[in-house]
Amino acid sequence: MTMTVDRTAPRDLAPEVPARLSLTPNTTLAGQLDGAWWPHSRDLAAELPPLAAALAEPWGRITRVTVNPAHWPVVPRRVSVGVRTLHVGWFTEQDPDKLILLSYAIGRWDLLVIPPETAPAAAARLMAAAAIPGSVLTAGVLMANEAAIGRGIRDAARREAAWEGEGGACMSPLGAPMGRSALPLSANGWR
């Protein structure tokens, strides 16, 4: 028996993966961002419907979305969300790490867009930072801070691996590992 797989099947037949969101709580503190969104891919046509569905209850119907095309290979003009259409615009002046959502019921919402390839620990830090009420940090600043934190974590891991690779040995002033026998004796004769 043979089976044929149609790879041109429409997207709406595929099960939707829930949106990964972190939203600021309802407070009177206004900040630069209203939360963060961590899409599963860079395909806006596939990622926007679950996002709009997840935001329908807290924010009402999302009617328009704007992005910077720097991180999105294709920016569709319209995306079908159930029986209605979501209008998508792009502006090169907009922060590339931010998504702007417009709703008739609520108004404007700004979300940090976390790149899909981001490690889960880094994404969790970014989602928590973007959801702080009244934060004055912009999307670009949060991404730059996370890049610096990531470099620090990688450097610390590299130093620890080097230490472990040397057996935790002491280093000579010239940078070469020294064995225990090369250490000077203390006054009580212990090394």
N, C-alpha and C. Protein backbone atom coordinates (compact mmCIF):
# COMPACT_ATOMS: atom_id res chain seq x y z
N MET A 1 0.85 -1.17 0.00
CA MET A 1 0.00 0.00 0.00
C MET A 1 0.90 1.23 0.00
N THR A 2 0.57 2.22 -0.80
CA THR A 2 1.32 3.47 -0.86
C THR A 2 0.47 4.59 -0.30
N MET A 3 1.16 5.60 0.17
CA MET A 3 0.47 6.75 0.72
C MET A 3 1.08 8.00 0.11
N THR A 4 0.24 8.94 -0.27
CA THR A 4 0.70 10.20 -0.83
C THR A 4 0.47 11.30 0.19
N VAL A 5 1.50 12.08 0.41
CA VAL A 5 1.39 13.20 1.33
C VAL A 5 1.34 14.48 0.52
N ASP A 6 0.30 15.28 0.73
CA ASP A 6 0.16 16.55 0.03
C ASP A 6 0.84 17.64 0.86
N ARG A 7 1.99 18.10 0.43
CA ARG A 7 2.74 19.11 1.17
C ARG A 7 2.22 20.52 0.89
N THR A 8 1.24 20.67 0.05
CA THR A 8 0.66 21.99 -0.24
C THR A 8 -0.63 22.21 0.52
N ALA A 9 -0.87 21.40 1.54
CA ALA A 9 -2.11 21.54 2.33
C ALA A 9 -2.16 22.93 2.96
N PRO A 10 -3.35 23.52 3.04
CA PRO A 10 -3.45 24.85 3.65
C PRO A 10 -3.05 24.83 5.12
N ARG A 11 -2.56 25.97 5.59
CA ARG A 11 -2.08 26.09 6.97
C ARG A 11 -3.17 25.86 7.99
N ASP A 12 -4.40 26.23 7.66
CA ASP A 12 -5.45 26.15 8.67
C ASP A 12 -5.82 24.71 9.01
N LEU A 13 -5.32 23.73 8.26
CA LEU A 13 -5.57 22.34 8.62
C LEU A 13 -4.60 21.86 9.69
N ALA A 14 -3.46 22.52 9.82
CA ALA A 14 -2.49 22.16 10.84
C ALA A 14 -2.98 22.66 12.20
N PRO A 15 -2.76 21.86 13.24
CA PRO A 15 -3.19 22.32 14.57
C PRO A 15 -2.37 23.54 15.00
N GLU A 16 -3.05 24.50 15.58
CA GLU A 16 -2.36 25.71 16.02
C GLU A 16 -1.65 25.46 17.34
N VAL A 17 -0.43 25.94 17.39
CA VAL A 17 0.35 25.87 18.63
C VAL A 17 0.01 27.11 19.42
N PRO A 18 -0.23 26.99 20.73
CA PRO A 18 -0.61 28.19 21.50
C PRO A 18 0.52 29.22 21.50
N ALA A 19 0.13 30.47 21.60
CA ALA A 19 1.09 31.56 21.63
C ALA A 19 1.80 31.58 22.97
N ARG A 20 3.09 31.90 22.93
CA ARG A 20 3.87 32.04 24.17
C ARG A 20 3.91 33.53 24.49
N LEU A 21 3.17 33.91 25.54
CA LEU A 21 2.99 35.31 25.91
C LEU A 21 3.28 35.55 27.37
N SER A 22 3.70 36.78 27.64
CA SER A 22 3.82 37.26 29.01
C SER A 22 3.31 38.70 28.97
N LEU A 23 2.23 38.99 29.68
CA LEU A 23 1.61 40.31 29.64
C LEU A 23 1.75 41.01 30.98
N THR A 24 1.84 42.34 30.93
CA THR A 24 1.89 43.10 32.18
C THR A 24 0.53 42.99 32.86
N PRO A 25 0.51 42.95 34.18
CA PRO A 25 -0.78 42.92 34.88
C PRO A 25 -1.52 44.25 34.72
N ASN A 26 -2.81 44.22 34.92
CA ASN A 26 -3.60 45.45 34.83
C ASN A 26 -3.29 46.36 36.01
N THR A 27 -2.55 47.43 35.74
CA THR A 27 -2.21 48.42 36.76
C THR A 27 -2.31 49.80 36.12
N THR A 28 -2.15 50.80 36.93
CA THR A 28 -2.15 52.17 36.41
C THR A 28 -0.76 52.60 35.96
N LEU A 29 0.25 51.76 36.21
CA LEU A 29 1.61 52.08 35.80
C LEU A 29 1.78 51.81 34.31
N ALA A 30 2.07 52.86 33.56
CA ALA A 30 2.30 52.70 32.12
C ALA A 30 3.79 52.56 31.87
N GLY A 31 4.16 51.57 31.10
CA GLY A 31 5.56 51.34 30.77
C GLY A 31 5.78 51.40 29.27
N GLN A 32 6.99 51.13 28.86
CA GLN A 32 7.34 51.13 27.44
C GLN A 32 6.71 49.94 26.71
N LEU A 33 6.57 48.81 27.41
CA LEU A 33 6.05 47.59 26.79
C LEU A 33 4.86 47.05 27.59
N ASP A 34 4.02 46.32 26.89
CA ASP A 34 2.86 45.70 27.52
C ASP A 34 3.03 44.20 27.70
N GLY A 35 4.25 43.73 27.45
CA GLY A 35 4.54 42.31 27.60
C GLY A 35 5.49 41.84 26.53
N ALA A 36 5.55 40.50 26.39
CA ALA A 36 6.46 39.90 25.41
C ALA A 36 5.78 38.74 24.71
N TRP A 37 6.22 38.50 23.49
CA TRP A 37 5.71 37.41 22.66
C TRP A 37 6.91 36.64 22.13
N TRP A 38 6.88 35.31 22.28
CA TRP A 38 7.96 34.44 21.80
C TRP A 38 7.39 33.52 20.74
N PRO A 39 7.44 33.94 19.47
CA PRO A 39 6.87 33.10 18.41
C PRO A 39 7.69 31.83 18.21
N HIS A 40 7.07 30.82 17.59
CA HIS A 40 7.72 29.55 17.33
C HIS A 40 8.55 29.59 16.05
N SER A 41 8.26 30.56 15.17
CA SER A 41 8.97 30.66 13.88
C SER A 41 8.96 32.12 13.42
N ARG A 42 9.54 32.36 12.27
CA ARG A 42 9.55 33.70 11.68
C ARG A 42 8.50 33.83 10.57
N ASP A 43 7.50 32.96 10.61
CA ASP A 43 6.41 32.97 9.63
C ASP A 43 5.22 33.72 10.24
N LEU A 44 5.09 35.01 9.88
CA LEU A 44 4.02 35.84 10.46
C LEU A 44 2.64 35.29 10.16
N ALA A 45 2.45 34.77 8.95
CA ALA A 45 1.13 34.25 8.59
C ALA A 45 0.72 33.09 9.48
N ALA A 46 1.67 32.30 9.94
CA ALA A 46 1.37 31.17 10.82
C ALA A 46 1.34 31.59 12.29
N GLU A 47 2.10 32.59 12.67
CA GLU A 47 2.23 32.97 14.07
C GLU A 47 1.17 33.95 14.57
N LEU A 48 0.67 34.82 13.70
CA LEU A 48 -0.28 35.84 14.15
C LEU A 48 -1.65 35.30 14.56
N PRO A 49 -2.22 34.29 13.89
CA PRO A 49 -3.53 33.81 14.34
C PRO A 49 -3.55 33.30 15.79
N PRO A 50 -2.59 32.48 16.24
CA PRO A 50 -2.62 32.08 17.66
C PRO A 50 -2.43 33.27 18.61
N LEU A 51 -1.62 34.25 18.19
CA LEU A 51 -1.41 35.44 19.02
C LEU A 51 -2.72 36.22 19.16
N ALA A 52 -3.39 36.46 18.05
CA ALA A 52 -4.66 37.20 18.08
C ALA A 52 -5.71 36.45 18.89
N ALA A 53 -5.72 35.12 18.78
CA ALA A 53 -6.69 34.32 19.54
C ALA A 53 -6.39 34.40 21.04
N ALA A 54 -5.12 34.38 21.41
CA ALA A 54 -4.76 34.44 22.83
C ALA A 54 -5.07 35.80 23.43
N LEU A 55 -5.03 36.85 22.61
CA LEU A 55 -5.29 38.20 23.11
C LEU A 55 -6.74 38.63 23.00
N ALA A 56 -7.58 37.81 22.39
CA ALA A 56 -8.98 38.18 22.18
C ALA A 56 -9.71 38.44 23.49
N GLU A 57 -9.48 37.63 24.51
CA GLU A 57 -10.18 37.82 25.77
C GLU A 57 -9.67 39.04 26.55
N PRO A 58 -8.34 39.14 26.79
CA PRO A 58 -7.92 40.29 27.61
C PRO A 58 -7.98 41.63 26.88
N TRP A 59 -7.78 41.65 25.56
CA TRP A 59 -7.67 42.92 24.84
C TRP A 59 -8.77 43.15 23.81
N GLY A 60 -9.58 42.19 23.53
CA GLY A 60 -10.59 42.35 22.49
C GLY A 60 -10.01 41.98 21.14
N ARG A 61 -10.78 42.23 20.12
CA ARG A 61 -10.38 41.84 18.76
C ARG A 61 -9.23 42.71 18.26
N ILE A 62 -8.13 42.08 17.89
CA ILE A 62 -6.99 42.78 17.30
C ILE A 62 -7.31 43.00 15.82
N THR A 63 -7.17 44.25 15.37
CA THR A 63 -7.51 44.57 13.98
C THR A 63 -6.29 44.83 13.11
N ARG A 64 -5.23 45.38 13.71
CA ARG A 64 -4.03 45.71 12.95
C ARG A 64 -2.78 45.35 13.74
N VAL A 65 -1.72 45.03 12.98
CA VAL A 65 -0.42 44.70 13.55
C VAL A 65 0.63 45.41 12.71
N THR A 66 1.65 45.97 13.37
CA THR A 66 2.78 46.52 12.62
C THR A 66 4.07 45.89 13.14
N VAL A 67 4.99 45.67 12.21
CA VAL A 67 6.29 45.09 12.52
C VAL A 67 7.37 45.82 11.74
N ASN A 68 8.61 45.62 12.12
CA ASN A 68 9.74 46.04 11.32
C ASN A 68 10.13 44.81 10.50
N PRO A 69 10.28 44.91 9.18
CA PRO A 69 10.55 43.73 8.36
C PRO A 69 11.95 43.15 8.52
N ALA A 70 12.80 43.73 9.36
CA ALA A 70 14.18 43.27 9.51
C ALA A 70 14.25 41.80 9.94
N HIS A 71 13.36 41.37 10.83
CA HIS A 71 13.41 40.00 11.36
C HIS A 71 12.38 39.06 10.74
N TRP A 72 11.58 39.55 9.82
CA TRP A 72 10.53 38.73 9.22
C TRP A 72 10.81 38.59 7.73
N PRO A 73 11.06 37.38 7.23
CA PRO A 73 11.38 37.20 5.81
C PRO A 73 10.24 37.64 4.89
N VAL A 74 9.00 37.38 5.31
CA VAL A 74 7.82 37.76 4.52
C VAL A 74 6.84 38.45 5.46
N VAL A 75 6.38 39.62 5.05
CA VAL A 75 5.37 40.34 5.83
C VAL A 75 4.10 40.39 4.97
N PRO A 76 3.12 39.52 5.27
CA PRO A 76 1.88 39.54 4.49
C PRO A 76 1.07 40.80 4.80
N ARG A 77 0.30 41.26 3.84
CA ARG A 77 -0.53 42.45 4.07
C ARG A 77 -1.76 42.11 4.91
N ARG A 78 -2.25 40.90 4.75
CA ARG A 78 -3.43 40.45 5.50
C ARG A 78 -3.20 39.01 5.95
N VAL A 79 -3.75 38.70 7.14
CA VAL A 79 -3.68 37.35 7.68
C VAL A 79 -5.09 36.98 8.14
N SER A 80 -5.54 35.82 7.74
CA SER A 80 -6.87 35.34 8.15
C SER A 80 -6.80 34.81 9.57
N VAL A 81 -7.72 35.31 10.38
CA VAL A 81 -7.86 34.85 11.77
C VAL A 81 -9.31 34.41 11.91
N GLY A 82 -9.53 33.12 11.69
CA GLY A 82 -10.90 32.62 11.70
C GLY A 82 -11.66 33.19 10.51
N VAL A 83 -12.79 33.87 10.79
CA VAL A 83 -13.62 34.43 9.72
C VAL A 83 -13.28 35.89 9.42
N ARG A 84 -12.36 36.47 10.15
CA ARG A 84 -12.01 37.87 9.93
C ARG A 84 -10.58 38.01 9.45
N THR A 85 -10.21 39.22 9.12
CA THR A 85 -8.88 39.49 8.57
C THR A 85 -8.12 40.45 9.47
N LEU A 86 -6.87 40.14 9.68
CA LEU A 86 -5.97 40.97 10.46
C LEU A 86 -5.06 41.70 9.46
N HIS A 87 -5.04 43.02 9.52
CA HIS A 87 -4.22 43.82 8.61
C HIS A 87 -2.82 43.98 9.20
N VAL A 88 -1.82 43.74 8.37
CA VAL A 88 -0.43 43.79 8.82
C VAL A 88 0.30 44.89 8.05
N GLY A 89 0.99 45.74 8.78
CA GLY A 89 1.79 46.79 8.16
C GLY A 89 3.22 46.68 8.63
N TRP A 90 4.12 47.29 7.90
CA TRP A 90 5.52 47.28 8.32
C TRP A 90 6.11 48.67 8.18
N PHE A 91 7.00 48.97 9.11
CA PHE A 91 7.67 50.26 9.13
C PHE A 91 9.13 50.03 9.50
N THR A 92 10.04 50.49 8.69
CA THR A 92 11.46 50.32 8.99
C THR A 92 11.90 51.19 10.16
N GLU A 93 11.14 52.23 10.48
CA GLU A 93 11.47 53.11 11.61
C GLU A 93 11.09 52.48 12.95
N GLN A 94 10.23 51.48 12.95
CA GLN A 94 9.79 50.82 14.17
C GLN A 94 10.92 49.95 14.71
N ASP A 95 11.02 49.86 16.03
CA ASP A 95 12.03 49.01 16.67
C ASP A 95 11.88 47.59 16.13
N PRO A 96 12.96 46.98 15.62
CA PRO A 96 12.83 45.64 15.05
C PRO A 96 12.46 44.57 16.06
N ASP A 97 12.62 44.83 17.34
CA ASP A 97 12.30 43.85 18.38
C ASP A 97 10.93 44.09 19.01
N LYS A 98 10.09 44.87 18.32
CA LYS A 98 8.78 45.22 18.88
C LYS A 98 7.68 44.95 17.86
N LEU A 99 6.53 44.55 18.38
CA LEU A 99 5.32 44.33 17.60
C LEU A 99 4.27 45.27 18.17
N ILE A 100 3.58 46.01 17.32
CA ILE A 100 2.52 46.91 17.77
C ILE A 100 1.18 46.32 17.35
N LEU A 101 0.27 46.20 18.30
CA LEU A 101 -1.07 45.66 18.06
C LEU A 101 -2.09 46.76 18.29
N LEU A 102 -3.08 46.82 17.43
CA LEU A 102 -4.14 47.80 17.57
C LEU A 102 -5.48 47.09 17.68
N SER A 103 -6.31 47.59 18.60
CA SER A 103 -7.63 47.02 18.84
C SER A 103 -8.62 48.16 19.01
N TYR A 104 -9.81 48.00 18.46
CA TYR A 104 -10.82 49.03 18.63
C TYR A 104 -11.24 49.17 20.09
N ALA A 105 -11.28 48.06 20.81
CA ALA A 105 -11.77 48.08 22.18
C ALA A 105 -10.76 48.68 23.16
N ILE A 106 -9.49 48.38 23.01
CA ILE A 106 -8.48 48.77 23.99
C ILE A 106 -7.57 49.89 23.49
N GLY A 107 -7.15 49.83 22.26
CA GLY A 107 -6.21 50.82 21.73
C GLY A 107 -4.94 50.16 21.24
N ARG A 108 -3.81 50.68 21.68
CA ARG A 108 -2.51 50.21 21.21
C ARG A 108 -1.79 49.43 22.31
N TRP A 109 -1.13 48.35 21.89
CA TRP A 109 -0.32 47.54 22.77
C TRP A 109 1.02 47.27 22.09
N ASP A 110 2.11 47.37 22.83
CA ASP A 110 3.45 47.12 22.32
C ASP A 110 4.01 45.88 23.00
N LEU A 111 4.45 44.92 22.20
CA LEU A 111 5.03 43.69 22.74
C LEU A 111 6.47 43.54 22.28
N LEU A 112 7.33 43.10 23.17
CA LEU A 112 8.68 42.70 22.81
C LEU A 112 8.55 41.39 22.03
N VAL A 113 9.26 41.29 20.91
CA VAL A 113 9.27 40.05 20.14
C VAL A 113 10.60 39.35 20.41
N ILE A 114 10.51 38.19 21.04
CA ILE A 114 11.69 37.40 21.35
C ILE A 114 11.96 36.48 20.16
N PRO A 115 13.16 36.50 19.60
CA PRO A 115 13.45 35.66 18.43
C PRO A 115 13.15 34.19 18.72
N PRO A 116 12.59 33.47 17.74
CA PRO A 116 12.21 32.07 17.96
C PRO A 116 13.37 31.17 18.36
N GLU A 117 14.57 31.49 17.91
CA GLU A 117 15.72 30.64 18.21
C GLU A 117 16.35 30.91 19.59
N THR A 118 15.76 31.78 20.36
CA THR A 118 16.27 32.12 21.69
C THR A 118 16.17 30.92 22.63
N ALA A 119 17.22 30.74 23.43
CA ALA A 119 17.23 29.65 24.42
C ALA A 119 16.11 29.88 25.44
N PRO A 120 15.51 28.81 25.95
CA PRO A 120 14.40 28.96 26.90
C PRO A 120 14.73 29.81 28.13
N ALA A 121 15.93 29.67 28.69
CA ALA A 121 16.28 30.45 29.88
C ALA A 121 16.34 31.94 29.54
N ALA A 122 16.92 32.28 28.41
CA ALA A 122 17.00 33.68 27.99
C ALA A 122 15.60 34.22 27.69
N ALA A 123 14.76 33.41 27.03
CA ALA A 123 13.39 33.84 26.73
C ALA A 123 12.61 34.09 28.02
N ALA A 124 12.81 33.24 29.02
CA ALA A 124 12.11 33.43 30.30
C ALA A 124 12.53 34.74 30.95
N ARG A 125 13.84 35.05 30.92
CA ARG A 125 14.30 36.32 31.49
C ARG A 125 13.69 37.51 30.74
N LEU A 126 13.67 37.43 29.42
CA LEU A 126 13.11 38.53 28.62
C LEU A 126 11.61 38.69 28.85
N MET A 127 10.89 37.58 28.93
CA MET A 127 9.44 37.66 29.14
C MET A 127 9.12 38.27 30.49
N ALA A 128 9.90 37.92 31.50
CA ALA A 128 9.68 38.49 32.83
C ALA A 128 10.01 39.98 32.85
N ALA A 129 11.11 40.36 32.20
CA ALA A 129 11.52 41.77 32.19
C ALA A 129 10.53 42.64 31.41
N ALA A 130 9.97 42.12 30.33
CA ALA A 130 9.03 42.90 29.52
C ALA A 130 7.67 43.07 30.19
N ALA A 131 7.36 42.23 31.15
CA ALA A 131 6.05 42.27 31.81
C ALA A 131 6.07 43.06 33.12
N ILE A 132 7.17 43.73 33.43
CA ILE A 132 7.24 44.53 34.65
C ILE A 132 6.41 45.81 34.46
N PRO A 133 5.41 46.06 35.29
CA PRO A 133 4.59 47.26 35.13
C PRO A 133 5.43 48.52 35.34
N GLY A 134 5.24 49.49 34.47
CA GLY A 134 5.90 50.78 34.60
C GLY A 134 7.36 50.79 34.19
N SER A 135 7.85 49.74 33.58
CA SER A 135 9.26 49.68 33.18
C SER A 135 9.54 50.70 32.08
N VAL A 136 10.67 51.37 32.20
CA VAL A 136 11.06 52.37 31.20
C VAL A 136 12.00 51.78 30.16
N LEU A 137 12.30 50.49 30.25
CA LEU A 137 13.20 49.85 29.30
C LEU A 137 12.48 49.54 27.99
N THR A 138 13.11 49.91 26.89
CA THR A 138 12.54 49.65 25.57
C THR A 138 12.88 48.24 25.12
N ALA A 139 12.29 47.82 24.02
CA ALA A 139 12.56 46.49 23.47
C ALA A 139 14.03 46.35 23.10
N GLY A 140 14.60 47.36 22.48
CA GLY A 140 16.00 47.31 22.09
C GLY A 140 16.94 47.21 23.28
N VAL A 141 16.63 47.93 24.35
CA VAL A 141 17.46 47.89 25.56
C VAL A 141 17.37 46.51 26.21
N LEU A 142 16.18 45.94 26.28
CA LEU A 142 16.03 44.61 26.87
C LEU A 142 16.82 43.56 26.08
N MET A 143 16.77 43.65 24.75
CA MET A 143 17.51 42.69 23.92
C MET A 143 19.01 42.88 24.08
N ALA A 144 19.47 44.12 24.17
CA ALA A 144 20.90 44.39 24.37
C ALA A 144 21.36 43.89 25.73
N ASN A 145 20.54 44.10 26.77
CA ASN A 145 20.87 43.61 28.11
C ASN A 145 20.97 42.09 28.11
N GLU A 146 20.03 41.43 27.45
CA GLU A 146 20.05 39.97 27.41
C GLU A 146 21.27 39.46 26.64
N ALA A 147 21.67 40.15 25.59
CA ALA A 147 22.88 39.76 24.86
C ALA A 147 24.10 39.84 25.77
N ALA A 148 24.17 40.88 26.58
CA ALA A 148 25.29 41.03 27.52
C ALA A 148 25.25 39.94 28.59
N ILE A 149 24.07 39.63 29.10
CA ILE A 149 23.93 38.56 30.10
C ILE A 149 24.34 37.24 29.48
N GLY A 150 23.91 36.98 28.25
CA GLY A 150 24.27 35.74 27.56
C GLY A 150 25.77 35.61 27.38
N ARG A 151 26.43 36.72 27.01
CA ARG A 151 27.90 36.68 26.87
C ARG A 151 28.55 36.38 28.21
N GLY A 152 28.05 37.00 29.28
CA GLY A 152 28.61 36.75 30.61
C GLY A 152 28.46 35.30 31.03
N ILE A 153 27.29 34.71 30.75
CA ILE A 153 27.06 33.31 31.10
C ILE A 153 27.97 32.40 30.29
N ARG A 154 28.12 32.68 28.99
CA ARG A 154 29.01 31.86 28.15
C ARG A 154 30.46 31.98 28.60
N ASP A 155 30.90 33.20 28.95
CA ASP A 155 32.27 33.40 29.42
C ASP A 155 32.53 32.66 30.72
N ALA A 156 31.58 32.73 31.65
CA ALA A 156 31.73 32.03 32.93
C ALA A 156 31.79 30.52 32.71
N ALA A 157 30.95 30.00 31.81
CA ALA A 157 30.97 28.57 31.52
C ALA A 157 32.29 28.16 30.88
N ARG A 158 32.81 29.01 30.00
CA ARG A 158 34.10 28.72 29.36
C ARG A 158 35.23 28.71 30.39
N ARG A 159 35.23 29.68 31.32
CA ARG A 159 36.25 29.71 32.37
C ARG A 159 36.15 28.49 33.28
N GLU A 160 34.92 28.10 33.61
CA GLU A 160 34.74 26.94 34.47
C GLU A 160 35.19 25.67 33.76
N ALA A 161 34.90 25.54 32.47
CA ALA A 161 35.34 24.37 31.70
C ALA A 161 36.86 24.32 31.64
N ALA A 162 37.50 25.47 31.47
CA ALA A 162 38.96 25.51 31.45
C ALA A 162 39.51 25.10 32.81
N TRP A 163 38.90 25.57 33.89
CA TRP A 163 39.34 25.22 35.24
C TRP A 163 39.20 23.72 35.45
N GLU A 164 38.04 23.18 35.06
CA GLU A 164 37.81 21.75 35.24
C GLU A 164 38.74 20.94 34.35
N GLY A 165 39.02 21.41 33.15
CA GLY A 165 39.93 20.71 32.23
C GLY A 165 41.35 20.65 32.75
N GLU A 166 41.70 21.60 33.56
CA GLU A 166 43.04 21.61 34.15
C GLU A 166 43.07 20.84 35.45
N GLY A 167 41.94 20.30 35.84
CA GLY A 167 41.87 19.57 37.10
C GLY A 167 41.83 20.50 38.29
N GLY A 168 41.48 21.76 38.04
CA GLY A 168 41.45 22.71 39.13
C GLY A 168 42.86 23.09 39.56
N ALA A 169 43.82 22.91 38.67
CA ALA A 169 45.22 23.16 39.01
C ALA A 169 45.50 24.65 39.12
N CYS A 170 46.52 24.95 39.89
CA CYS A 170 46.98 26.32 40.01
C CYS A 170 47.72 26.69 38.74
N MET A 171 47.72 27.95 38.42
CA MET A 171 48.41 28.43 37.22
C MET A 171 49.69 29.14 37.61
N SER A 172 50.71 28.92 36.82
CA SER A 172 51.96 29.64 37.03
C SER A 172 51.79 31.06 36.52
N PRO A 173 52.69 31.95 36.88
CA PRO A 173 52.57 33.32 36.37
C PRO A 173 52.63 33.38 34.85
N LEU A 174 53.17 32.34 34.22
CA LEU A 174 53.26 32.31 32.75
C LEU A 174 52.02 31.71 32.11
N GLY A 175 51.06 31.27 32.91
CA GLY A 175 49.80 30.75 32.38
C GLY A 175 49.79 29.25 32.21
N ALA A 176 50.84 28.53 32.62
CA ALA A 176 50.88 27.08 32.50
C ALA A 176 50.40 26.45 33.80
N PRO A 177 49.64 25.34 33.74
CA PRO A 177 49.19 24.70 34.96
C PRO A 177 50.38 24.17 35.76
N MET A 178 50.29 24.27 37.07
CA MET A 178 51.33 23.75 37.96
C MET A 178 50.74 22.58 38.74
N GLY A 179 51.51 21.53 38.89
CA GLY A 179 51.08 20.39 39.71
C GLY A 179 51.25 20.73 41.18
N ARG A 180 50.75 19.85 42.05
CA ARG A 180 50.85 20.09 43.48
C ARG A 180 52.31 20.09 43.93
N SER A 181 53.15 19.31 43.26
CA SER A 181 54.55 19.24 43.69
C SER A 181 55.28 20.55 43.40
N ALA A 182 54.76 21.36 42.50
CA ALA A 182 55.41 22.62 42.17
C ALA A 182 55.04 23.73 43.16
N LEU A 183 54.06 23.49 44.00
CA LEU A 183 53.65 24.50 44.97
C LEU A 183 54.67 24.56 46.11
N PRO A 184 54.96 25.74 46.61
CA PRO A 184 55.90 25.86 47.73
C PRO A 184 55.29 25.26 48.99
N LEU A 185 56.14 24.72 49.85
CA LEU A 185 55.69 24.17 51.12
C LEU A 185 55.33 25.30 52.07
N SER A 186 54.28 25.08 52.84
CA SER A 186 53.91 26.07 53.85
C SER A 186 54.80 25.86 55.07
N ALA A 187 54.66 26.71 56.06
CA ALA A 187 55.49 26.63 57.26
C ALA A 187 55.31 25.31 58.01
N ASN A 188 54.13 24.71 57.93
CA ASN A 188 53.90 23.45 58.64
C ASN A 188 54.22 22.23 57.76
N GLY A 189 54.69 22.44 56.55
CA GLY A 189 55.09 21.34 55.67
C GLY A 189 53.98 20.79 54.81
N TRP A 190 52.79 21.35 54.88
CA TRP A 190 51.65 20.88 54.05
C TRP A 190 51.61 21.64 52.74
N ARG A 191 51.17 21.00 51.71
CA ARG A 191 50.99 21.64 50.42
C ARG A 191 49.54 21.98 50.21
